[in-house]
Amino acid sequence: MSTERPERYRSFILTGAPGCGKGTQGAILGEIPRFYHFSMGDAFRSLDTRTEIGQEFVKYSSAGQLVPDELSIRFFRAQVDARAETHEFKPDIDVLVLDGIPRNRRQAELMEKHLDVLHIFHLSCPNREELITRLRKRALKSGRLDDASEGVIRERIRTYEEETKELFDYYPESLRTGVDANQPPVKVLSDILQVVVGHPEWQKMTMPV
């Protein structure tokens, strides 16, 4: 039986440069009831590279470029709808925790009809060399194509910094909270949860019936 899906999914968004730890925080949050973590990067990496969209992703990723916005949003909605259809994600009781999307103002505009954004957490790590070190260590552990070259890493960080300015201009300041990503992961998580538990929508979702 098909699941009745909302037009717009309730969402918390994690933003931050590559290597800032948003994937780690998203995965931890995803283990907590009522949170569903969706990583755009993981979704793309699970693609069969023999398919047309898989080949496109490899082409952009290996050059340190981002997948075109319209293609990214279509892919995102299809992925989330599929997970709702199988009840892996339950939009009536779960809130999405997004990392890797939206990346820029254009994506945010395109996603207006898909997302009810409750809050945005910016994981800040201004030290570029620290980010590069983190990404290179991650590449050694996982062999990820997009983290293998220092030149590609620097290009990804530069692109992120340019596009994030426009993304932040799109969302009101009241929806954004900066979090120091140089802290231990448990402290980063604590800072995020402190904001989440005080959010009226979250309180409504977790209120005993």
N, C-alpha and C. Protein backbone atom coordinates (compact mmCIF):
# COMPACT_ATOMS: atom_id res chain seq x y z
N MET A 1 0.85 -1.20 0.00
CA MET A 1 0.00 0.00 0.00
C MET A 1 0.88 1.24 0.00
N SER A 2 0.54 2.24 -0.78
CA SER A 2 1.34 3.45 -0.88
C SER A 2 1.19 4.30 0.38
N THR A 3 2.25 5.03 0.70
CA THR A 3 2.24 5.94 1.84
C THR A 3 1.83 7.32 1.37
N GLU A 4 0.89 7.94 2.11
CA GLU A 4 0.51 9.31 1.77
C GLU A 4 1.62 10.23 2.23
N ARG A 5 2.20 10.95 1.30
CA ARG A 5 3.37 11.77 1.61
C ARG A 5 3.00 13.25 1.62
N PRO A 6 3.63 14.01 2.51
CA PRO A 6 3.38 15.45 2.54
C PRO A 6 4.05 16.13 1.35
N GLU A 7 3.55 17.30 1.00
CA GLU A 7 4.20 18.06 -0.06
C GLU A 7 5.58 18.53 0.39
N ARG A 8 5.67 18.90 1.68
CA ARG A 8 6.93 19.44 2.20
C ARG A 8 7.33 18.66 3.46
N TYR A 9 8.55 18.19 3.46
CA TYR A 9 9.06 17.42 4.59
C TYR A 9 9.68 18.35 5.64
N ARG A 10 9.36 18.12 6.91
CA ARG A 10 9.99 18.87 8.00
C ARG A 10 11.47 18.51 8.05
N SER A 11 12.32 19.53 8.19
CA SER A 11 13.75 19.29 8.06
C SER A 11 14.60 20.18 8.95
N PHE A 12 15.67 19.58 9.48
CA PHE A 12 16.79 20.31 10.04
C PHE A 12 17.93 20.15 9.04
N ILE A 13 18.65 21.23 8.78
CA ILE A 13 19.72 21.20 7.79
C ILE A 13 21.07 21.40 8.46
N LEU A 14 22.02 20.53 8.13
CA LEU A 14 23.40 20.67 8.59
C LEU A 14 24.24 21.20 7.43
N THR A 15 24.88 22.33 7.61
CA THR A 15 25.77 22.87 6.58
C THR A 15 27.18 22.99 7.14
N GLY A 16 28.13 23.07 6.24
CA GLY A 16 29.52 23.19 6.65
C GLY A 16 30.42 22.72 5.53
N ALA A 17 31.64 23.18 5.55
CA ALA A 17 32.60 22.81 4.51
C ALA A 17 32.88 21.31 4.54
N PRO A 18 33.36 20.74 3.43
CA PRO A 18 33.77 19.34 3.43
C PRO A 18 34.77 19.10 4.55
N GLY A 19 34.54 18.05 5.34
CA GLY A 19 35.45 17.72 6.43
C GLY A 19 35.08 18.33 7.77
N CYS A 20 33.98 19.10 7.83
CA CYS A 20 33.62 19.78 9.09
C CYS A 20 32.95 18.84 10.08
N GLY A 21 32.52 17.67 9.63
CA GLY A 21 31.90 16.71 10.53
C GLY A 21 30.39 16.64 10.47
N LYS A 22 29.78 17.25 9.45
CA LYS A 22 28.32 17.23 9.38
C LYS A 22 27.78 15.83 9.14
N GLY A 23 28.52 15.01 8.40
CA GLY A 23 28.10 13.63 8.19
C GLY A 23 28.11 12.84 9.48
N THR A 24 29.13 13.07 10.30
CA THR A 24 29.22 12.41 11.61
C THR A 24 28.04 12.80 12.49
N GLN A 25 27.76 14.10 12.56
CA GLN A 25 26.66 14.57 13.38
C GLN A 25 25.31 14.07 12.85
N GLY A 26 25.16 14.08 11.53
CA GLY A 26 23.92 13.59 10.94
C GLY A 26 23.68 12.13 11.26
N ALA A 27 24.75 11.32 11.18
CA ALA A 27 24.63 9.89 11.47
C ALA A 27 24.25 9.65 12.92
N ILE A 28 24.84 10.43 13.83
CA ILE A 28 24.51 10.29 15.25
C ILE A 28 23.05 10.68 15.49
N LEU A 29 22.64 11.80 14.93
CA LEU A 29 21.26 12.23 15.10
C LEU A 29 20.29 11.21 14.53
N GLY A 30 20.69 10.57 13.42
CA GLY A 30 19.84 9.58 12.79
C GLY A 30 19.57 8.35 13.64
N GLU A 31 20.38 8.15 14.68
CA GLU A 31 20.17 7.03 15.60
C GLU A 31 19.16 7.37 16.69
N ILE A 32 18.79 8.64 16.77
CA ILE A 32 17.84 9.08 17.80
C ILE A 32 16.42 9.01 17.23
N PRO A 33 15.47 8.43 17.96
CA PRO A 33 14.09 8.36 17.47
C PRO A 33 13.56 9.72 17.04
N ARG A 34 12.79 9.72 15.97
CA ARG A 34 12.15 10.90 15.37
C ARG A 34 13.08 11.68 14.44
N PHE A 35 14.36 11.29 14.35
CA PHE A 35 15.27 11.89 13.37
C PHE A 35 15.50 10.89 12.24
N TYR A 36 15.54 11.38 11.00
CA TYR A 36 15.95 10.52 9.88
C TYR A 36 17.04 11.25 9.11
N HIS A 37 18.24 10.68 9.13
CA HIS A 37 19.39 11.31 8.48
C HIS A 37 19.42 10.97 6.99
N PHE A 38 19.56 12.01 6.17
CA PHE A 38 19.73 11.82 4.73
C PHE A 38 20.98 12.57 4.29
N SER A 39 21.98 11.83 3.84
CA SER A 39 23.21 12.41 3.33
C SER A 39 23.18 12.38 1.81
N MET A 40 23.20 13.56 1.19
CA MET A 40 23.19 13.62 -0.26
C MET A 40 24.44 12.97 -0.84
N GLY A 41 25.58 13.19 -0.18
CA GLY A 41 26.81 12.58 -0.66
C GLY A 41 26.76 11.07 -0.64
N ASP A 42 26.24 10.50 0.45
CA ASP A 42 26.12 9.04 0.54
C ASP A 42 25.16 8.51 -0.51
N ALA A 43 24.07 9.24 -0.74
CA ALA A 43 23.10 8.81 -1.74
C ALA A 43 23.73 8.77 -3.13
N PHE A 44 24.50 9.80 -3.47
CA PHE A 44 25.18 9.81 -4.76
C PHE A 44 26.23 8.71 -4.85
N ARG A 45 26.98 8.49 -3.76
CA ARG A 45 28.03 7.48 -3.79
C ARG A 45 27.49 6.07 -3.92
N SER A 46 26.21 5.87 -3.55
CA SER A 46 25.61 4.55 -3.68
C SER A 46 25.11 4.27 -5.09
N LEU A 47 25.18 5.27 -5.96
CA LEU A 47 24.74 5.09 -7.34
C LEU A 47 25.63 4.10 -8.08
N ASP A 48 25.01 3.36 -8.96
CA ASP A 48 25.76 2.49 -9.86
C ASP A 48 26.44 3.38 -10.90
N THR A 49 27.77 3.42 -10.91
CA THR A 49 28.50 4.31 -11.82
C THR A 49 28.36 3.90 -13.28
N ARG A 50 27.75 2.75 -13.52
CA ARG A 50 27.52 2.34 -14.92
C ARG A 50 26.27 3.00 -15.50
N THR A 51 25.44 3.57 -14.62
CA THR A 51 24.25 4.25 -15.11
C THR A 51 24.61 5.65 -15.59
N GLU A 52 23.68 6.26 -16.30
CA GLU A 52 23.93 7.60 -16.84
C GLU A 52 24.16 8.62 -15.72
N ILE A 53 23.30 8.60 -14.70
CA ILE A 53 23.45 9.57 -13.62
C ILE A 53 24.71 9.27 -12.80
N GLY A 54 25.05 7.99 -12.67
CA GLY A 54 26.27 7.63 -11.97
C GLY A 54 27.51 8.13 -12.68
N GLN A 55 27.53 8.03 -13.99
CA GLN A 55 28.65 8.53 -14.78
C GLN A 55 28.75 10.05 -14.68
N GLU A 56 27.59 10.71 -14.65
CA GLU A 56 27.60 12.17 -14.50
C GLU A 56 28.20 12.57 -13.17
N PHE A 57 27.82 11.86 -12.11
CA PHE A 57 28.34 12.19 -10.79
C PHE A 57 29.86 12.03 -10.75
N VAL A 58 30.38 10.93 -11.28
CA VAL A 58 31.82 10.70 -11.29
C VAL A 58 32.53 11.82 -12.04
N LYS A 59 31.95 12.25 -13.15
CA LYS A 59 32.55 13.31 -13.95
C LYS A 59 32.68 14.60 -13.14
N TYR A 60 31.61 14.99 -12.46
CA TYR A 60 31.65 16.22 -11.67
C TYR A 60 32.53 16.08 -10.43
N SER A 61 32.37 14.95 -9.73
CA SER A 61 33.08 14.76 -8.47
C SER A 61 34.59 14.70 -8.68
N SER A 62 35.03 13.99 -9.69
CA SER A 62 36.47 13.83 -9.92
C SER A 62 37.12 15.15 -10.32
N ALA A 63 36.31 16.11 -10.79
CA ALA A 63 36.83 17.43 -11.16
C ALA A 63 36.63 18.45 -10.04
N GLY A 64 36.10 17.99 -8.90
CA GLY A 64 35.86 18.91 -7.79
C GLY A 64 34.68 19.82 -8.01
N GLN A 65 33.76 19.43 -8.89
CA GLN A 65 32.59 20.24 -9.21
C GLN A 65 31.33 19.62 -8.61
N LEU A 66 30.27 20.41 -8.53
CA LEU A 66 29.01 19.95 -7.99
C LEU A 66 28.06 19.53 -9.10
N VAL A 67 27.20 18.56 -8.78
CA VAL A 67 26.19 18.11 -9.73
C VAL A 67 25.20 19.26 -9.96
N PRO A 68 24.72 19.47 -11.21
CA PRO A 68 23.78 20.56 -11.48
C PRO A 68 22.58 20.55 -10.53
N ASP A 69 22.13 21.72 -10.15
CA ASP A 69 21.12 21.86 -9.10
C ASP A 69 19.81 21.15 -9.42
N GLU A 70 19.28 21.35 -10.61
CA GLU A 70 17.99 20.74 -10.95
C GLU A 70 18.07 19.21 -10.87
N LEU A 71 19.17 18.64 -11.34
CA LEU A 71 19.37 17.20 -11.28
C LEU A 71 19.47 16.73 -9.83
N SER A 72 20.17 17.49 -9.01
CA SER A 72 20.32 17.14 -7.60
C SER A 72 18.98 17.11 -6.89
N ILE A 73 18.13 18.10 -7.15
CA ILE A 73 16.86 18.18 -6.44
C ILE A 73 15.91 17.08 -6.89
N ARG A 74 15.89 16.78 -8.18
CA ARG A 74 15.05 15.66 -8.66
C ARG A 74 15.49 14.35 -8.01
N PHE A 75 16.79 14.17 -7.95
CA PHE A 75 17.34 12.95 -7.35
C PHE A 75 17.00 12.89 -5.86
N PHE A 76 17.14 14.01 -5.17
CA PHE A 76 16.82 14.07 -3.74
C PHE A 76 15.38 13.67 -3.47
N ARG A 77 14.44 14.30 -4.18
CA ARG A 77 13.03 14.03 -3.93
C ARG A 77 12.70 12.57 -4.21
N ALA A 78 13.25 12.02 -5.28
CA ALA A 78 12.98 10.62 -5.62
C ALA A 78 13.51 9.69 -4.53
N GLN A 79 14.70 10.00 -4.01
CA GLN A 79 15.29 9.18 -2.96
C GLN A 79 14.46 9.22 -1.68
N VAL A 80 14.07 10.41 -1.25
CA VAL A 80 13.31 10.53 0.00
C VAL A 80 11.93 9.91 -0.15
N ASP A 81 11.27 10.14 -1.28
CA ASP A 81 9.96 9.53 -1.51
C ASP A 81 10.04 8.01 -1.47
N ALA A 82 11.10 7.46 -2.05
CA ALA A 82 11.27 6.00 -2.07
C ALA A 82 11.42 5.46 -0.65
N ARG A 83 12.13 6.18 0.19
CA ARG A 83 12.34 5.74 1.57
C ARG A 83 11.06 5.88 2.40
N ALA A 84 10.25 6.87 2.05
CA ALA A 84 8.94 7.00 2.71
C ALA A 84 8.01 5.87 2.27
N GLU A 85 8.12 5.50 1.01
CA GLU A 85 7.27 4.43 0.46
C GLU A 85 7.52 3.11 1.16
N THR A 86 8.77 2.84 1.53
CA THR A 86 9.12 1.59 2.21
C THR A 86 9.03 1.70 3.73
N HIS A 87 8.64 2.87 4.22
CA HIS A 87 8.50 3.15 5.66
C HIS A 87 9.83 3.20 6.39
N GLU A 88 10.93 3.26 5.65
CA GLU A 88 12.23 3.47 6.29
C GLU A 88 12.24 4.87 6.92
N PHE A 89 11.69 5.82 6.21
CA PHE A 89 11.48 7.18 6.69
C PHE A 89 9.98 7.39 6.86
N LYS A 90 9.57 7.83 8.04
CA LYS A 90 8.14 8.00 8.34
C LYS A 90 7.86 9.50 8.52
N PRO A 91 7.48 10.18 7.46
CA PRO A 91 7.33 11.64 7.51
C PRO A 91 6.26 12.14 8.47
N ASP A 92 5.32 11.28 8.86
CA ASP A 92 4.29 11.73 9.80
C ASP A 92 4.85 11.88 11.22
N ILE A 93 5.93 11.16 11.54
CA ILE A 93 6.51 11.25 12.89
C ILE A 93 7.99 11.61 12.88
N ASP A 94 8.65 11.52 11.73
CA ASP A 94 10.08 11.79 11.64
C ASP A 94 10.35 13.17 11.06
N VAL A 95 11.50 13.73 11.44
CA VAL A 95 11.98 14.96 10.82
C VAL A 95 13.29 14.63 10.11
N LEU A 96 13.44 15.12 8.91
CA LEU A 96 14.67 14.89 8.14
C LEU A 96 15.83 15.67 8.74
N VAL A 97 17.00 15.03 8.77
CA VAL A 97 18.25 15.72 9.08
C VAL A 97 19.07 15.65 7.80
N LEU A 98 19.23 16.78 7.14
CA LEU A 98 19.87 16.81 5.83
C LEU A 98 21.31 17.27 5.93
N ASP A 99 22.20 16.55 5.25
CA ASP A 99 23.55 17.07 5.08
C ASP A 99 23.95 16.91 3.62
N GLY A 100 24.53 17.97 3.09
CA GLY A 100 24.94 17.97 1.69
C GLY A 100 23.93 18.59 0.74
N ILE A 101 22.80 19.00 1.27
CA ILE A 101 21.77 19.64 0.45
C ILE A 101 20.84 20.45 1.36
N PRO A 102 20.40 21.65 0.99
CA PRO A 102 20.82 22.40 -0.20
C PRO A 102 22.22 22.98 -0.02
N ARG A 103 22.94 23.13 -1.13
CA ARG A 103 24.30 23.65 -1.10
C ARG A 103 24.37 25.14 -1.43
N ASN A 104 23.38 25.64 -2.13
CA ASN A 104 23.44 27.03 -2.59
C ASN A 104 22.04 27.62 -2.66
N ARG A 105 21.98 28.90 -3.02
CA ARG A 105 20.70 29.60 -3.05
C ARG A 105 19.74 28.97 -4.07
N ARG A 106 20.25 28.60 -5.23
CA ARG A 106 19.38 28.02 -6.26
C ARG A 106 18.74 26.72 -5.77
N GLN A 107 19.52 25.87 -5.12
CA GLN A 107 18.96 24.64 -4.59
C GLN A 107 17.92 24.94 -3.51
N ALA A 108 18.20 25.92 -2.67
CA ALA A 108 17.25 26.30 -1.62
C ALA A 108 15.93 26.76 -2.24
N GLU A 109 16.02 27.53 -3.31
CA GLU A 109 14.81 28.00 -4.00
C GLU A 109 14.04 26.83 -4.58
N LEU A 110 14.74 25.90 -5.22
CA LEU A 110 14.10 24.74 -5.83
C LEU A 110 13.46 23.83 -4.78
N MET A 111 14.02 23.83 -3.57
CA MET A 111 13.55 22.92 -2.53
C MET A 111 12.43 23.51 -1.69
N GLU A 112 12.06 24.76 -1.94
CA GLU A 112 10.99 25.39 -1.16
C GLU A 112 9.72 24.54 -1.17
N LYS A 113 9.41 23.96 -2.31
CA LYS A 113 8.17 23.18 -2.40
C LYS A 113 8.32 21.78 -1.82
N HIS A 114 9.55 21.41 -1.46
CA HIS A 114 9.80 20.07 -0.91
C HIS A 114 10.08 20.07 0.58
N LEU A 115 10.56 21.19 1.13
CA LEU A 115 11.02 21.22 2.52
C LEU A 115 10.31 22.28 3.36
N ASP A 116 10.00 21.91 4.59
CA ASP A 116 9.61 22.85 5.64
C ASP A 116 10.82 22.93 6.56
N VAL A 117 11.67 23.92 6.35
CA VAL A 117 12.94 24.03 7.08
C VAL A 117 12.69 24.58 8.48
N LEU A 118 12.97 23.75 9.48
CA LEU A 118 12.77 24.16 10.87
C LEU A 118 13.96 24.94 11.41
N HIS A 119 15.18 24.51 11.06
CA HIS A 119 16.38 25.21 11.52
C HIS A 119 17.58 24.74 10.71
N ILE A 120 18.60 25.62 10.66
CA ILE A 120 19.84 25.33 9.93
C ILE A 120 21.01 25.46 10.89
N PHE A 121 21.86 24.44 10.90
CA PHE A 121 23.05 24.46 11.75
C PHE A 121 24.29 24.55 10.87
N HIS A 122 25.05 25.62 11.07
CA HIS A 122 26.28 25.81 10.30
C HIS A 122 27.46 25.36 11.14
N LEU A 123 28.08 24.24 10.76
CA LEU A 123 29.25 23.73 11.45
C LEU A 123 30.48 24.45 10.90
N SER A 124 31.01 25.34 11.71
CA SER A 124 32.08 26.23 11.26
C SER A 124 33.46 25.69 11.61
N CYS A 125 34.33 25.62 10.60
CA CYS A 125 35.72 25.19 10.79
C CYS A 125 36.58 26.04 9.85
N PRO A 126 36.91 27.28 10.26
CA PRO A 126 37.57 28.22 9.35
C PRO A 126 39.00 27.86 8.97
N ASN A 127 39.63 26.94 9.69
CA ASN A 127 41.00 26.54 9.39
C ASN A 127 41.02 25.56 8.21
N ARG A 128 41.38 26.05 7.03
CA ARG A 128 41.37 25.20 5.83
C ARG A 128 42.30 24.00 5.96
N GLU A 129 43.47 24.21 6.55
CA GLU A 129 44.44 23.12 6.64
C GLU A 129 43.90 21.99 7.51
N GLU A 130 43.14 22.35 8.54
CA GLU A 130 42.52 21.33 9.39
C GLU A 130 41.51 20.52 8.58
N LEU A 131 40.72 21.20 7.75
CA LEU A 131 39.75 20.51 6.90
C LEU A 131 40.46 19.56 5.93
N ILE A 132 41.53 20.03 5.32
CA ILE A 132 42.27 19.21 4.36
C ILE A 132 42.84 17.97 5.05
N THR A 133 43.39 18.15 6.24
CA THR A 133 43.94 17.02 7.00
C THR A 133 42.84 15.99 7.30
N ARG A 134 41.69 16.47 7.73
CA ARG A 134 40.57 15.56 8.02
C ARG A 134 40.17 14.77 6.79
N LEU A 135 40.06 15.47 5.65
CA LEU A 135 39.61 14.82 4.43
C LEU A 135 40.62 13.81 3.90
N ARG A 136 41.89 14.12 4.04
CA ARG A 136 42.91 13.18 3.57
C ARG A 136 42.94 11.93 4.44
N LYS A 137 42.74 12.10 5.74
CA LYS A 137 42.65 10.93 6.63
C LYS A 137 41.44 10.08 6.27
N ARG A 138 40.33 10.75 5.98
CA ARG A 138 39.11 10.03 5.61
C ARG A 138 39.31 9.27 4.30
N ALA A 139 40.05 9.88 3.38
CA ALA A 139 40.30 9.23 2.10
C ALA A 139 41.12 7.96 2.29
N LEU A 140 42.09 8.00 3.19
CA LEU A 140 42.91 6.82 3.45
C LEU A 140 42.08 5.68 4.04
N LYS A 141 41.10 6.03 4.86
CA LYS A 141 40.26 5.01 5.49
C LYS A 141 39.25 4.40 4.53
N SER A 142 38.66 5.24 3.69
CA SER A 142 37.55 4.78 2.87
C SER A 142 37.82 4.71 1.38
N GLY A 143 38.93 5.30 0.93
CA GLY A 143 39.23 5.28 -0.50
C GLY A 143 38.24 6.07 -1.32
N ARG A 144 37.66 7.12 -0.75
CA ARG A 144 36.66 7.90 -1.46
C ARG A 144 37.29 8.75 -2.56
N LEU A 145 36.75 8.62 -3.75
CA LEU A 145 37.28 9.31 -4.93
C LEU A 145 37.36 10.82 -4.73
N ASP A 146 36.30 11.40 -4.15
CA ASP A 146 36.25 12.86 -4.06
C ASP A 146 37.15 13.44 -2.98
N ASP A 147 37.80 12.59 -2.18
CA ASP A 147 38.71 13.08 -1.15
C ASP A 147 40.17 12.73 -1.46
N ALA A 148 40.43 12.15 -2.61
CA ALA A 148 41.75 11.57 -2.88
C ALA A 148 42.83 12.61 -3.21
N SER A 149 42.47 13.69 -3.85
CA SER A 149 43.44 14.67 -4.33
C SER A 149 43.35 15.97 -3.54
N GLU A 150 44.51 16.49 -3.11
CA GLU A 150 44.50 17.75 -2.36
C GLU A 150 43.97 18.89 -3.23
N GLY A 151 44.29 18.86 -4.52
CA GLY A 151 43.79 19.90 -5.42
C GLY A 151 42.28 19.89 -5.50
N VAL A 152 41.69 18.69 -5.58
CA VAL A 152 40.24 18.56 -5.62
C VAL A 152 39.63 19.02 -4.30
N ILE A 153 40.28 18.67 -3.19
CA ILE A 153 39.79 19.08 -1.87
C ILE A 153 39.74 20.61 -1.77
N ARG A 154 40.82 21.26 -2.16
CA ARG A 154 40.86 22.72 -2.08
C ARG A 154 39.79 23.36 -2.96
N GLU A 155 39.56 22.77 -4.13
CA GLU A 155 38.53 23.30 -5.02
C GLU A 155 37.14 23.14 -4.41
N ARG A 156 36.90 22.01 -3.76
CA ARG A 156 35.61 21.78 -3.10
C ARG A 156 35.38 22.80 -1.99
N ILE A 157 36.41 23.07 -1.20
CA ILE A 157 36.28 24.04 -0.11
C ILE A 157 36.04 25.44 -0.66
N ARG A 158 36.77 25.81 -1.71
CA ARG A 158 36.60 27.13 -2.32
C ARG A 158 35.17 27.29 -2.86
N THR A 159 34.69 26.25 -3.56
CA THR A 159 33.34 26.29 -4.11
C THR A 159 32.31 26.41 -3.00
N TYR A 160 32.51 25.64 -1.94
CA TYR A 160 31.58 25.69 -0.81
C TYR A 160 31.51 27.11 -0.23
N GLU A 161 32.67 27.72 -0.02
CA GLU A 161 32.70 29.06 0.60
C GLU A 161 31.96 30.08 -0.26
N GLU A 162 32.12 29.98 -1.58
CA GLU A 162 31.44 30.91 -2.48
C GLU A 162 29.93 30.73 -2.43
N GLU A 163 29.47 29.49 -2.49
CA GLU A 163 28.04 29.24 -2.60
C GLU A 163 27.31 29.40 -1.27
N THR A 164 28.01 29.18 -0.17
CA THR A 164 27.36 29.28 1.13
C THR A 164 26.93 30.70 1.44
N LYS A 165 27.67 31.69 0.97
CA LYS A 165 27.29 33.08 1.21
C LYS A 165 25.89 33.35 0.68
N GLU A 166 25.61 32.87 -0.52
CA GLU A 166 24.29 33.07 -1.12
C GLU A 166 23.22 32.26 -0.39
N LEU A 167 23.58 31.05 0.05
CA LEU A 167 22.63 30.20 0.77
C LEU A 167 22.19 30.87 2.06
N PHE A 168 23.15 31.42 2.80
CA PHE A 168 22.82 32.07 4.06
C PHE A 168 21.99 33.34 3.84
N ASP A 169 22.21 34.01 2.72
CA ASP A 169 21.41 35.19 2.41
C ASP A 169 19.95 34.82 2.16
N TYR A 170 19.72 33.59 1.70
CA TYR A 170 18.36 33.15 1.36
C TYR A 170 17.52 32.89 2.61
N TYR A 171 18.13 32.27 3.61
CA TYR A 171 17.39 31.92 4.82
C TYR A 171 17.53 33.02 5.88
N PRO A 172 16.45 33.34 6.59
CA PRO A 172 16.53 34.39 7.62
C PRO A 172 17.48 33.99 8.74
N GLU A 173 18.09 34.99 9.34
CA GLU A 173 19.05 34.75 10.42
C GLU A 173 18.43 34.00 11.58
N SER A 174 17.14 34.18 11.80
CA SER A 174 16.46 33.51 12.91
C SER A 174 16.43 31.99 12.75
N LEU A 175 16.64 31.51 11.53
CA LEU A 175 16.64 30.07 11.28
C LEU A 175 18.03 29.46 11.38
N ARG A 176 19.06 30.28 11.60
CA ARG A 176 20.44 29.79 11.53
C ARG A 176 21.13 29.84 12.88
N THR A 177 21.90 28.79 13.15
CA THR A 177 22.74 28.75 14.35
C THR A 177 24.13 28.27 13.95
N GLY A 178 25.15 29.02 14.35
CA GLY A 178 26.52 28.60 14.10
C GLY A 178 27.01 27.69 15.22
N VAL A 179 27.73 26.64 14.85
CA VAL A 179 28.27 25.68 15.82
C VAL A 179 29.76 25.52 15.53
N ASP A 180 30.58 25.60 16.56
CA ASP A 180 32.03 25.45 16.42
C ASP A 180 32.37 23.99 16.17
N ALA A 181 32.75 23.66 14.94
CA ALA A 181 33.04 22.27 14.57
C ALA A 181 34.41 21.81 15.04
N ASN A 182 35.21 22.71 15.60
CA ASN A 182 36.52 22.32 16.13
C ASN A 182 36.40 21.70 17.53
N GLN A 183 35.22 21.77 18.11
CA GLN A 183 34.98 21.15 19.41
C GLN A 183 34.94 19.62 19.27
N PRO A 184 35.06 18.89 20.37
CA PRO A 184 34.85 17.44 20.32
C PRO A 184 33.45 17.14 19.78
N PRO A 185 33.29 16.05 19.01
CA PRO A 185 31.99 15.73 18.42
C PRO A 185 30.83 15.71 19.42
N VAL A 186 31.09 15.25 20.64
CA VAL A 186 30.00 15.18 21.62
C VAL A 186 29.53 16.58 22.01
N LYS A 187 30.44 17.55 22.02
CA LYS A 187 30.06 18.94 22.34
C LYS A 187 29.30 19.56 21.18
N VAL A 188 29.72 19.25 19.95
CA VAL A 188 29.00 19.73 18.77
C VAL A 188 27.56 19.21 18.81
N LEU A 189 27.41 17.91 19.10
CA LEU A 189 26.09 17.31 19.19
C LEU A 189 25.25 17.98 20.27
N SER A 190 25.85 18.24 21.41
CA SER A 190 25.14 18.89 22.51
C SER A 190 24.64 20.27 22.10
N ASP A 191 25.46 21.02 21.38
CA ASP A 191 25.06 22.36 20.94
C ASP A 191 23.87 22.29 19.98
N ILE A 192 23.88 21.29 19.10
CA ILE A 192 22.78 21.12 18.15
C ILE A 192 21.49 20.74 18.88
N LEU A 193 21.59 19.76 19.76
CA LEU A 193 20.40 19.27 20.46
C LEU A 193 19.79 20.32 21.36
N GLN A 194 20.61 21.19 21.89
CA GLN A 194 20.09 22.26 22.76
C GLN A 194 19.12 23.15 22.00
N VAL A 195 19.42 23.40 20.73
CA VAL A 195 18.53 24.21 19.90
C VAL A 195 17.31 23.40 19.48
N VAL A 196 17.54 22.13 19.11
CA VAL A 196 16.45 21.28 18.63
C VAL A 196 15.36 21.12 19.68
N VAL A 197 15.75 20.78 20.90
CA VAL A 197 14.74 20.49 21.93
C VAL A 197 13.94 21.73 22.32
N GLY A 198 14.47 22.90 22.04
CA GLY A 198 13.74 24.12 22.33
C GLY A 198 12.85 24.59 21.20
N HIS A 199 12.91 23.89 20.06
CA HIS A 199 12.12 24.31 18.90
C HIS A 199 10.65 23.94 19.10
N PRO A 200 9.72 24.86 18.87
CA PRO A 200 8.29 24.58 19.09
C PRO A 200 7.78 23.37 18.30
N GLU A 201 8.23 23.21 17.07
CA GLU A 201 7.77 22.08 16.26
C GLU A 201 8.25 20.76 16.85
N TRP A 202 9.49 20.74 17.33
CA TRP A 202 10.01 19.52 17.95
C TRP A 202 9.25 19.20 19.23
N GLN A 203 8.95 20.22 20.02
CA GLN A 203 8.20 20.00 21.25
C GLN A 203 6.80 19.47 20.95
N LYS A 204 6.21 19.95 19.88
CA LYS A 204 4.89 19.48 19.48
C LYS A 204 4.94 18.02 19.04
N MET A 205 6.03 17.66 18.31
CA MET A 205 6.18 16.29 17.82
C MET A 205 6.38 15.29 18.95
N THR A 206 7.07 15.72 20.01
CA THR A 206 7.42 14.80 21.09
C THR A 206 6.48 14.90 22.29
N MET A 207 5.46 15.72 22.19
CA MET A 207 4.51 15.90 23.29
C MET A 207 3.66 14.63 23.45
N PRO A 208 3.54 14.11 24.69
CA PRO A 208 2.71 12.92 24.91
C PRO A 208 1.26 13.17 24.49
N VAL A 209 0.69 12.17 23.86
CA VAL A 209 -0.71 12.29 23.41
C VAL A 209 -1.65 11.96 24.56
